[in-house]
Amino acid sequence: MLYEASGRTKVYLAVGAVDMRKAINGLSMLVQGTLAFDPFSGHLFGFCNRRRSIVKVLYWDRNGFCLWQKRLEREVFRWPESTEQVLEIGVRELGWLVEGLDVKEVKGHRTLSYRTVV
């Protein structure tokens, strides 16, 4: 992906199918209206079509919107399902999703948090 995420960048996936005829204007209005997020936040907003063969990612980059798209020729994306309208994942998980992994199944080591060395 042509995007350098900061540690504060979040990824929001629109659960369910989205009309892939939508481009920047339509998707940014969907982010603001239906999903109730700020499309200018710098966060990534992911969308998938009904057949799970196309993923689009919309984000604001300093002075304009960027729209990234990947279309699969033979496979399908393992787009997560949820009862929620929006699912938050990490930037790393978005990379896994685009590579064909199921983000709900892939699990790494749990995060440990310490206050002192001794």
Protein backbone atom coordinates (compact mmCIF):
# COMPACT_ATOMS: atom_id res chain seq x y z
CA MET A 1 0.00 0.00 0.00
CA LEU A 2 1.17 3.50 -0.71
CA TYR A 3 0.51 4.73 2.81
CA GLU A 4 2.71 5.35 5.83
CA ALA A 5 0.61 4.93 8.92
CA SER A 6 1.39 6.63 12.17
CA GLY A 7 0.96 4.79 15.44
CA ARG A 8 -2.36 6.57 15.87
CA THR A 9 -3.82 5.60 12.49
CA LYS A 10 -6.96 3.51 12.76
CA VAL A 11 -8.62 1.34 10.14
CA TYR A 12 -12.39 1.20 9.93
CA LEU A 13 -14.03 -1.44 7.73
CA ALA A 14 -17.56 -0.94 6.49
CA VAL A 15 -19.10 -4.31 7.26
CA GLY A 16 -21.25 -5.63 4.44
CA ALA A 17 -21.20 -4.84 0.75
CA VAL A 18 -20.67 -1.42 -0.79
CA ASP A 19 -21.40 -0.39 -4.36
CA MET A 20 -17.94 -0.28 -5.97
CA ARG A 21 -19.12 2.26 -8.54
CA LYS A 22 -18.65 4.78 -5.74
CA ALA A 23 -15.45 6.77 -6.02
CA ILE A 24 -13.90 9.33 -3.66
CA ASN A 25 -16.95 11.59 -3.38
CA GLY A 26 -19.44 8.79 -2.79
CA LEU A 27 -17.23 6.92 -0.34
CA SER A 28 -16.32 10.05 1.65
CA MET A 29 -20.03 10.90 1.96
CA LEU A 30 -20.65 7.32 3.12
CA VAL A 31 -17.92 7.68 5.76
CA GLN A 32 -19.36 10.94 7.07
CA GLY A 33 -23.06 10.21 6.71
CA THR A 34 -23.71 6.52 7.23
CA LEU A 35 -20.64 5.50 9.22
CA ALA A 36 -20.55 8.78 11.22
CA PHE A 37 -16.77 9.29 11.03
CA ASP A 38 -14.65 12.24 9.95
CA PRO A 39 -13.29 11.41 6.47
CA PHE A 40 -10.56 14.08 6.96
CA SER A 41 -9.15 12.36 10.07
CA GLY A 42 -6.32 10.58 8.25
CA HIS A 43 -7.71 7.20 9.29
CA LEU A 44 -8.24 4.46 6.70
CA PHE A 45 -11.75 3.44 5.64
CA GLY A 46 -12.12 0.08 3.92
CA PHE A 47 -14.95 -1.13 1.70
CA CYS A 48 -15.67 -4.39 -0.11
CA ASN A 49 -18.12 -5.40 -2.84
CA ARG A 50 -20.80 -8.09 -2.57
CA ARG A 51 -18.73 -10.74 -4.40
CA ARG A 52 -15.72 -10.00 -2.12
CA SER A 53 -13.46 -9.54 -5.15
CA ILE A 54 -12.77 -5.79 -4.77
CA VAL A 55 -11.49 -3.80 -1.80
CA LYS A 56 -11.21 -0.01 -1.74
CA VAL A 57 -9.46 2.00 0.97
CA LEU A 58 -10.13 5.72 1.30
CA TYR A 59 -8.02 8.14 3.34
CA TRP A 60 -7.17 11.83 3.59
CA ASP A 61 -3.50 12.67 3.01
CA ARG A 62 -2.64 16.27 4.03
CA ASN A 63 -4.25 18.05 1.08
CA GLY A 64 -6.44 15.54 -0.72
CA PHE A 65 -8.18 12.20 -0.66
CA CYS A 66 -6.46 9.01 -1.77
CA LEU A 67 -8.33 5.96 -2.98
CA TRP A 68 -6.54 2.62 -3.13
CA GLN A 69 -8.15 -0.38 -4.83
CA LYS A 70 -7.33 -4.06 -5.25
CA ARG A 71 -9.32 -6.39 -7.50
CA LEU A 72 -8.83 -10.14 -7.30
CA GLU A 73 -9.08 -12.12 -10.51
CA ARG A 74 -9.77 -15.60 -9.08
CA GLU A 75 -9.95 -15.52 -5.28
CA VAL A 76 -12.12 -13.66 -2.77
CA PHE A 77 -11.24 -11.50 0.20
CA ARG A 78 -12.05 -12.89 3.63
CA TRP A 79 -13.99 -9.77 4.58
CA PRO A 80 -14.98 -9.90 8.24
CA GLU A 81 -18.60 -10.15 9.25
CA SER A 82 -20.06 -8.50 12.31
CA THR A 83 -23.33 -7.37 13.78
CA GLU A 84 -21.81 -3.88 13.93
CA GLN A 85 -21.90 -1.52 10.94
CA VAL A 86 -18.19 -0.70 11.31
CA LEU A 87 -15.32 -2.89 12.46
CA GLU A 88 -12.05 -1.38 13.70
CA ILE A 89 -8.84 -3.25 12.91
CA GLY A 90 -5.16 -2.30 12.87
CA VAL A 91 -3.07 -1.25 9.89
CA ARG A 92 -1.18 -4.56 10.10
CA GLU A 93 -4.47 -6.49 10.00
CA LEU A 94 -5.52 -4.52 6.90
CA GLY A 95 -2.35 -5.74 5.21
CA TRP A 96 -3.21 -9.30 6.18
CA LEU A 97 -6.74 -8.88 4.83
CA VAL A 98 -5.46 -7.59 1.49
CA GLU A 99 -3.06 -10.56 1.30
CA GLY A 100 -5.96 -12.99 1.72
CA LEU A 101 -5.79 -13.83 5.42
CA ASP A 102 -8.77 -13.93 7.75
CA VAL A 103 -8.11 -11.18 10.32
CA LYS A 104 -10.34 -12.92 12.87
CA GLU A 105 -8.27 -16.13 12.67
CA VAL A 106 -4.73 -14.69 12.65
CA LYS A 107 -3.50 -14.09 16.16
CA GLY A 108 -0.06 -13.06 17.33
CA HIS A 109 1.46 -13.04 20.79
CA ARG A 110 -0.51 -11.07 23.33
CA THR A 111 0.81 -7.64 24.30
CA LEU A 112 2.56 -7.40 27.66
CA SER A 113 2.76 -4.19 29.61
CA TYR A 114 5.21 -3.57 32.47
CA ARG A 115 5.76 -0.57 34.74
CA THR A 116 9.27 -1.33 36.03
CA VAL A 117 12.27 -3.40 34.99
CA VAL A 118 12.95 -4.87 38.43
